[in-house]
């Protein structure tokens, strides 16, 4: 995520932005949320063996980066923000999508393993 930030906006402004009143809280919220989503994905893979949430978050990230690339090529002004900024601020939505996908994957795995055990398959 930081690589996309540096390529799109330049790296020098990131550290300066952390110490401003207008941008600093937004950056802390956005990157703190990214850490929360990353931790949730790590737990889903490590503890439960679920890969669906990681794939869902990767797809959302890819769409946001593609939309950012299209927006930066466009001559129009972006309001209220570009797609990457909206992705960073909307991390609770990304987390909810990951949780829903994870619950669905867990349900499907439990259902299929229950059917295979009932039929006597190894």
N, C-alpha and C. Protein backbone atom coordinates (compact mmCIF):
# COMPACT_ATOMS: atom_id res chain seq x y z
N UNK A 1 0.82 -1.17 0.00
CA UNK A 1 0.00 0.00 0.00
C UNK A 1 0.87 1.26 0.00
N UNK A 2 1.95 1.21 0.73
CA UNK A 2 2.85 2.37 0.77
C UNK A 2 3.51 2.60 -0.58
N UNK A 3 3.77 1.53 -1.32
CA UNK A 3 4.38 1.68 -2.64
C UNK A 3 3.44 2.44 -3.57
N UNK A 4 2.15 2.10 -3.54
CA UNK A 4 1.18 2.81 -4.37
C UNK A 4 1.11 4.28 -3.95
N UNK A 5 1.13 4.52 -2.64
CA UNK A 5 1.08 5.90 -2.14
C UNK A 5 2.27 6.70 -2.67
N UNK A 6 3.46 6.15 -2.56
CA UNK A 6 4.67 6.85 -2.98
C UNK A 6 4.66 7.08 -4.48
N UNK A 7 4.24 6.08 -5.26
CA UNK A 7 4.22 6.25 -6.71
C UNK A 7 3.17 7.27 -7.15
N UNK A 8 2.04 7.32 -6.48
CA UNK A 8 0.96 8.22 -6.90
C UNK A 8 1.15 9.64 -6.39
N UNK A 9 1.63 9.79 -5.16
CA UNK A 9 1.66 11.11 -4.53
C UNK A 9 3.05 11.62 -4.22
N UNK A 10 4.05 10.77 -4.31
CA UNK A 10 5.40 11.17 -3.92
C UNK A 10 5.65 10.79 -2.47
N UNK A 11 6.83 10.36 -2.16
CA UNK A 11 7.12 9.83 -0.83
C UNK A 11 7.45 10.87 0.22
N UNK A 12 7.95 12.02 -0.20
CA UNK A 12 8.40 13.00 0.79
C UNK A 12 7.25 13.59 1.59
N UNK A 13 6.09 13.73 0.98
CA UNK A 13 4.96 14.35 1.67
C UNK A 13 4.32 13.47 2.71
N UNK A 14 4.59 12.18 2.69
CA UNK A 14 3.96 11.26 3.64
C UNK A 14 4.40 11.55 5.07
N UNK A 15 5.69 11.65 5.30
CA UNK A 15 6.16 11.93 6.66
C UNK A 15 5.80 13.33 7.11
N UNK A 16 5.87 14.30 6.18
CA UNK A 16 5.47 15.66 6.54
C UNK A 16 3.99 15.71 6.88
N UNK A 17 3.18 14.92 6.15
CA UNK A 17 1.74 14.91 6.38
C UNK A 17 1.34 14.34 7.72
N UNK A 18 2.14 13.44 8.28
CA UNK A 18 1.82 12.86 9.58
C UNK A 18 1.80 13.90 10.70
N UNK A 19 2.53 14.99 10.50
CA UNK A 19 2.65 15.99 11.56
C UNK A 19 1.80 17.22 11.31
N UNK A 20 0.86 17.15 10.37
CA UNK A 20 -0.05 18.26 10.16
C UNK A 20 -1.40 17.95 10.79
N UNK A 21 -2.13 18.98 11.13
CA UNK A 21 -3.43 18.80 11.76
C UNK A 21 -4.46 18.30 10.74
N UNK A 22 -4.33 18.72 9.48
CA UNK A 22 -5.34 18.36 8.49
C UNK A 22 -5.15 16.96 7.94
N UNK A 23 -3.92 16.53 7.71
CA UNK A 23 -3.67 15.26 7.06
C UNK A 23 -3.27 14.17 8.04
N UNK A 24 -2.61 14.51 9.11
CA UNK A 24 -2.09 13.53 10.06
C UNK A 24 -3.13 12.57 10.60
N UNK A 25 -4.26 13.05 11.13
CA UNK A 25 -5.26 12.11 11.65
C UNK A 25 -5.82 11.18 10.56
N UNK A 26 -5.97 11.71 9.36
CA UNK A 26 -6.46 10.88 8.26
C UNK A 26 -5.48 9.76 7.93
N UNK A 27 -4.20 10.08 7.90
CA UNK A 27 -3.19 9.07 7.61
C UNK A 27 -3.13 8.01 8.71
N UNK A 28 -3.21 8.44 9.96
CA UNK A 28 -3.18 7.50 11.08
C UNK A 28 -4.39 6.58 11.01
N UNK A 29 -5.58 7.14 10.72
CA UNK A 29 -6.80 6.35 10.60
C UNK A 29 -6.69 5.37 9.44
N UNK A 30 -6.21 5.84 8.28
CA UNK A 30 -6.15 5.01 7.09
C UNK A 30 -5.13 3.88 7.25
N UNK A 31 -3.92 4.20 7.67
CA UNK A 31 -2.91 3.16 7.79
C UNK A 31 -3.11 2.30 9.03
N UNK A 32 -3.72 2.84 10.07
CA UNK A 32 -4.11 2.02 11.22
C UNK A 32 -5.18 1.01 10.82
N UNK A 33 -6.13 1.46 10.00
CA UNK A 33 -7.15 0.55 9.49
C UNK A 33 -6.57 -0.51 8.59
N UNK A 34 -5.57 -0.14 7.80
CA UNK A 34 -4.90 -1.13 6.95
C UNK A 34 -4.23 -2.19 7.82
N UNK A 35 -3.68 -1.77 8.95
CA UNK A 35 -3.06 -2.73 9.87
C UNK A 35 -4.11 -3.66 10.48
N UNK A 36 -5.27 -3.12 10.81
CA UNK A 36 -6.36 -3.94 11.36
C UNK A 36 -6.82 -4.97 10.33
N UNK A 37 -7.02 -4.52 9.09
CA UNK A 37 -7.44 -5.45 8.03
C UNK A 37 -6.36 -6.51 7.81
N UNK A 38 -5.11 -6.10 7.78
CA UNK A 38 -4.02 -7.06 7.60
C UNK A 38 -3.95 -8.08 8.73
N UNK A 39 -4.16 -7.62 9.95
CA UNK A 39 -4.15 -8.54 11.09
C UNK A 39 -5.32 -9.53 11.01
N UNK A 40 -6.48 -9.05 10.60
CA UNK A 40 -7.64 -9.94 10.45
C UNK A 40 -7.39 -10.98 9.37
N UNK A 41 -6.75 -10.56 8.28
CA UNK A 41 -6.43 -11.52 7.22
C UNK A 41 -5.41 -12.55 7.69
N UNK A 42 -4.42 -12.10 8.46
CA UNK A 42 -3.42 -13.03 8.98
C UNK A 42 -4.05 -14.07 9.90
N UNK A 43 -4.97 -13.65 10.74
CA UNK A 43 -5.66 -14.58 11.64
C UNK A 43 -6.52 -15.55 10.83
N UNK A 44 -7.21 -15.04 9.80
CA UNK A 44 -8.07 -15.93 9.02
C UNK A 44 -7.27 -17.00 8.29
N UNK A 45 -6.07 -16.66 7.84
CA UNK A 45 -5.24 -17.65 7.15
C UNK A 45 -4.56 -18.58 8.15
N UNK A 46 -4.00 -18.03 9.21
CA UNK A 46 -3.24 -18.83 10.16
C UNK A 46 -4.11 -19.74 11.00
N UNK A 47 -5.13 -19.19 11.61
CA UNK A 47 -5.94 -19.96 12.55
C UNK A 47 -6.99 -20.81 11.86
N UNK A 48 -7.64 -20.27 10.82
CA UNK A 48 -8.76 -20.96 10.21
C UNK A 48 -8.46 -21.54 8.83
N UNK A 49 -7.33 -21.18 8.24
CA UNK A 49 -6.98 -21.69 6.92
C UNK A 49 -7.85 -21.14 5.80
N UNK A 50 -8.37 -19.94 5.99
CA UNK A 50 -9.26 -19.33 5.00
C UNK A 50 -8.46 -18.42 4.06
N UNK A 51 -8.67 -18.60 2.77
CA UNK A 51 -7.98 -17.76 1.80
C UNK A 51 -8.93 -16.82 1.07
N UNK A 52 -10.22 -17.02 1.20
CA UNK A 52 -11.21 -16.17 0.55
C UNK A 52 -11.13 -14.71 0.97
N UNK A 53 -11.00 -14.42 2.26
CA UNK A 53 -10.90 -13.01 2.67
C UNK A 53 -9.69 -12.30 2.06
N UNK A 54 -8.57 -13.00 1.99
CA UNK A 54 -7.36 -12.39 1.41
C UNK A 54 -7.57 -12.11 -0.07
N UNK A 55 -8.18 -13.04 -0.77
CA UNK A 55 -8.45 -12.84 -2.20
C UNK A 55 -9.42 -11.69 -2.40
N UNK A 56 -10.45 -11.59 -1.55
CA UNK A 56 -11.42 -10.51 -1.67
C UNK A 56 -10.76 -9.15 -1.46
N UNK A 57 -9.91 -9.04 -0.44
CA UNK A 57 -9.22 -7.77 -0.18
C UNK A 57 -8.25 -7.44 -1.30
N UNK A 58 -7.56 -8.46 -1.82
CA UNK A 58 -6.65 -8.22 -2.95
C UNK A 58 -7.41 -7.74 -4.17
N UNK A 59 -8.59 -8.29 -4.42
CA UNK A 59 -9.40 -7.84 -5.56
C UNK A 59 -9.87 -6.41 -5.37
N UNK A 60 -10.33 -6.07 -4.17
CA UNK A 60 -10.76 -4.69 -3.90
C UNK A 60 -9.59 -3.72 -4.06
N UNK A 61 -8.41 -4.12 -3.60
CA UNK A 61 -7.23 -3.29 -3.74
C UNK A 61 -6.86 -3.11 -5.20
N UNK A 62 -6.92 -4.18 -5.98
CA UNK A 62 -6.60 -4.10 -7.41
C UNK A 62 -7.57 -3.18 -8.13
N UNK A 63 -8.84 -3.26 -7.80
CA UNK A 63 -9.83 -2.38 -8.42
C UNK A 63 -9.55 -0.93 -8.04
N UNK A 64 -9.22 -0.68 -6.77
CA UNK A 64 -8.93 0.70 -6.33
C UNK A 64 -7.69 1.25 -7.03
N UNK A 65 -6.66 0.43 -7.19
CA UNK A 65 -5.44 0.89 -7.86
C UNK A 65 -5.72 1.14 -9.34
N UNK A 66 -6.49 0.28 -9.98
CA UNK A 66 -6.84 0.48 -11.39
C UNK A 66 -7.67 1.76 -11.56
N UNK A 67 -8.62 1.96 -10.67
CA UNK A 67 -9.44 3.18 -10.74
C UNK A 67 -8.58 4.42 -10.48
N UNK A 68 -7.60 4.31 -9.59
CA UNK A 68 -6.69 5.41 -9.34
C UNK A 68 -5.89 5.73 -10.60
N UNK A 69 -5.39 4.70 -11.26
CA UNK A 69 -4.64 4.91 -12.49
C UNK A 69 -5.50 5.59 -13.54
N UNK A 70 -6.75 5.15 -13.67
CA UNK A 70 -7.65 5.79 -14.64
C UNK A 70 -7.93 7.24 -14.24
N UNK A 71 -8.11 7.48 -12.95
CA UNK A 71 -8.41 8.84 -12.48
C UNK A 71 -7.23 9.77 -12.70
N UNK A 72 -6.01 9.27 -12.50
CA UNK A 72 -4.84 10.11 -12.71
C UNK A 72 -4.60 10.41 -14.19
N UNK A 73 -5.11 9.57 -15.08
CA UNK A 73 -5.01 9.82 -16.51
C UNK A 73 -6.06 10.81 -17.00
N UNK A 74 -7.10 11.00 -16.22
CA UNK A 74 -8.23 11.84 -16.62
C UNK A 74 -7.93 13.31 -16.31
N UNK A 75 -8.40 14.22 -17.16
CA UNK A 75 -8.18 15.65 -16.90
C UNK A 75 -9.16 16.24 -15.90
N UNK A 76 -10.14 15.49 -15.44
CA UNK A 76 -11.17 16.01 -14.55
C UNK A 76 -10.68 16.08 -13.11
N UNK A 77 -11.24 16.99 -12.34
CA UNK A 77 -10.90 17.14 -10.92
C UNK A 77 -11.62 16.06 -10.13
N UNK A 78 -10.93 15.47 -9.19
CA UNK A 78 -11.49 14.40 -8.37
C UNK A 78 -12.13 14.96 -7.11
N UNK A 79 -13.39 14.66 -6.92
CA UNK A 79 -14.09 15.06 -5.71
C UNK A 79 -14.84 13.86 -5.18
N UNK A 80 -14.84 13.55 -3.93
CA UNK A 80 -14.16 14.10 -2.79
C UNK A 80 -12.74 13.60 -2.65
N UNK A 81 -12.38 12.57 -3.37
CA UNK A 81 -11.02 12.05 -3.31
C UNK A 81 -10.86 11.02 -4.41
N UNK A 82 -9.64 10.59 -4.60
CA UNK A 82 -9.44 9.58 -5.63
C UNK A 82 -9.78 8.19 -5.07
N UNK A 83 -9.91 7.20 -5.94
CA UNK A 83 -10.33 5.86 -5.47
C UNK A 83 -9.40 5.24 -4.42
N UNK A 84 -8.11 5.49 -4.50
CA UNK A 84 -7.20 4.93 -3.51
C UNK A 84 -7.43 5.55 -2.14
N UNK A 85 -7.66 6.85 -2.09
CA UNK A 85 -7.96 7.50 -0.81
C UNK A 85 -9.27 6.98 -0.23
N UNK A 86 -10.27 6.79 -1.08
CA UNK A 86 -11.54 6.26 -0.61
C UNK A 86 -11.39 4.82 -0.11
N UNK A 87 -10.52 4.04 -0.77
CA UNK A 87 -10.24 2.68 -0.31
C UNK A 87 -9.60 2.72 1.08
N UNK A 88 -8.66 3.64 1.29
CA UNK A 88 -7.99 3.72 2.59
C UNK A 88 -8.94 4.17 3.69
N UNK A 89 -9.77 5.15 3.40
CA UNK A 89 -10.70 5.65 4.41
C UNK A 89 -11.83 4.66 4.65
N UNK A 90 -12.18 3.90 3.62
CA UNK A 90 -13.27 2.94 3.74
C UNK A 90 -12.84 1.58 4.22
N UNK A 91 -11.78 1.51 5.01
CA UNK A 91 -11.30 0.21 5.49
C UNK A 91 -12.33 -0.56 6.30
N UNK A 92 -13.27 0.08 7.02
CA UNK A 92 -14.29 -0.74 7.69
C UNK A 92 -15.15 -1.53 6.71
N UNK A 93 -15.41 -0.96 5.54
CA UNK A 93 -16.18 -1.68 4.51
C UNK A 93 -15.36 -2.85 3.98
N UNK A 94 -14.08 -2.61 3.75
CA UNK A 94 -13.19 -3.68 3.28
C UNK A 94 -13.12 -4.80 4.32
N UNK A 95 -13.05 -4.44 5.59
CA UNK A 95 -13.02 -5.43 6.65
C UNK A 95 -14.33 -6.23 6.69
N UNK A 96 -15.45 -5.55 6.53
CA UNK A 96 -16.75 -6.24 6.52
C UNK A 96 -16.86 -7.20 5.34
N UNK A 97 -16.38 -6.78 4.17
CA UNK A 97 -16.39 -7.68 3.01
C UNK A 97 -15.53 -8.91 3.30
N UNK A 98 -14.36 -8.70 3.89
CA UNK A 98 -13.48 -9.83 4.21
C UNK A 98 -14.14 -10.77 5.22
N UNK A 99 -14.81 -10.23 6.21
CA UNK A 99 -15.47 -11.06 7.23
C UNK A 99 -16.61 -11.86 6.60
N UNK A 100 -17.41 -11.22 5.75
CA UNK A 100 -18.53 -11.92 5.11
C UNK A 100 -18.00 -13.03 4.21
N UNK A 101 -16.97 -12.75 3.43
CA UNK A 101 -16.39 -13.79 2.56
C UNK A 101 -15.81 -14.92 3.41
N UNK A 102 -15.15 -14.57 4.51
CA UNK A 102 -14.60 -15.59 5.40
C UNK A 102 -15.67 -16.47 6.03
N UNK A 103 -16.76 -15.85 6.47
CA UNK A 103 -17.86 -16.64 7.04
C UNK A 103 -18.49 -17.55 5.99
N UNK A 104 -18.63 -17.04 4.77
CA UNK A 104 -19.18 -17.87 3.70
C UNK A 104 -18.25 -19.04 3.38
N UNK A 105 -16.95 -18.78 3.33
CA UNK A 105 -16.00 -19.87 3.05
C UNK A 105 -16.01 -20.90 4.17
N UNK A 106 -16.09 -20.43 5.40
CA UNK A 106 -16.13 -21.36 6.53
C UNK A 106 -17.39 -22.22 6.51
N UNK A 107 -18.52 -21.59 6.17
CA UNK A 107 -19.79 -22.33 6.08
C UNK A 107 -19.71 -23.39 4.98
N UNK A 108 -19.19 -23.01 3.81
CA UNK A 108 -19.09 -23.96 2.70
C UNK A 108 -18.14 -25.11 3.07
N UNK A 109 -17.03 -24.79 3.70
CA UNK A 109 -16.10 -25.85 4.09
C UNK A 109 -16.72 -26.78 5.13
N UNK A 110 -17.45 -26.22 6.10
CA UNK A 110 -18.08 -27.05 7.12
C UNK A 110 -19.18 -27.92 6.51
N UNK A 111 -19.91 -27.37 5.57
CA UNK A 111 -20.99 -28.12 4.93
C UNK A 111 -20.41 -29.26 4.09
N UNK A 112 -19.39 -28.96 3.31
CA UNK A 112 -18.81 -30.00 2.45
C UNK A 112 -18.08 -31.05 3.26
N UNK A 113 -17.40 -30.67 4.32
CA UNK A 113 -16.70 -31.68 5.12
C UNK A 113 -17.71 -32.53 5.89
N UNK A 114 -18.81 -31.94 6.30
CA UNK A 114 -19.86 -32.70 6.98
C UNK A 114 -20.52 -33.70 6.05
N UNK A 115 -20.72 -33.33 4.78
CA UNK A 115 -21.32 -34.25 3.82
C UNK A 115 -20.38 -35.39 3.48
N UNK A 116 -19.09 -35.09 3.36
CA UNK A 116 -18.12 -36.13 3.03
C UNK A 116 -17.95 -37.11 4.19
N UNK A 117 -18.03 -36.63 5.42
CA UNK A 117 -17.93 -37.52 6.58
C UNK A 117 -19.17 -38.39 6.69
N UNK A 118 -20.37 -37.82 6.37
CA UNK A 118 -21.60 -38.58 6.45
C UNK A 118 -21.64 -39.67 5.40
N UNK A 119 -21.07 -39.45 4.23
CA UNK A 119 -21.09 -40.45 3.17
C UNK A 119 -20.00 -41.51 3.35
N UNK A 120 -19.12 -41.32 4.32
CA UNK A 120 -18.08 -42.29 4.60
C UNK A 120 -16.84 -42.12 3.76
N UNK A 121 -16.73 -41.00 3.06
CA UNK A 121 -15.54 -40.75 2.26
C UNK A 121 -14.37 -40.39 3.18
N UNK A 122 -13.16 -40.80 2.81
CA UNK A 122 -12.01 -40.53 3.68
C UNK A 122 -11.61 -39.09 3.70
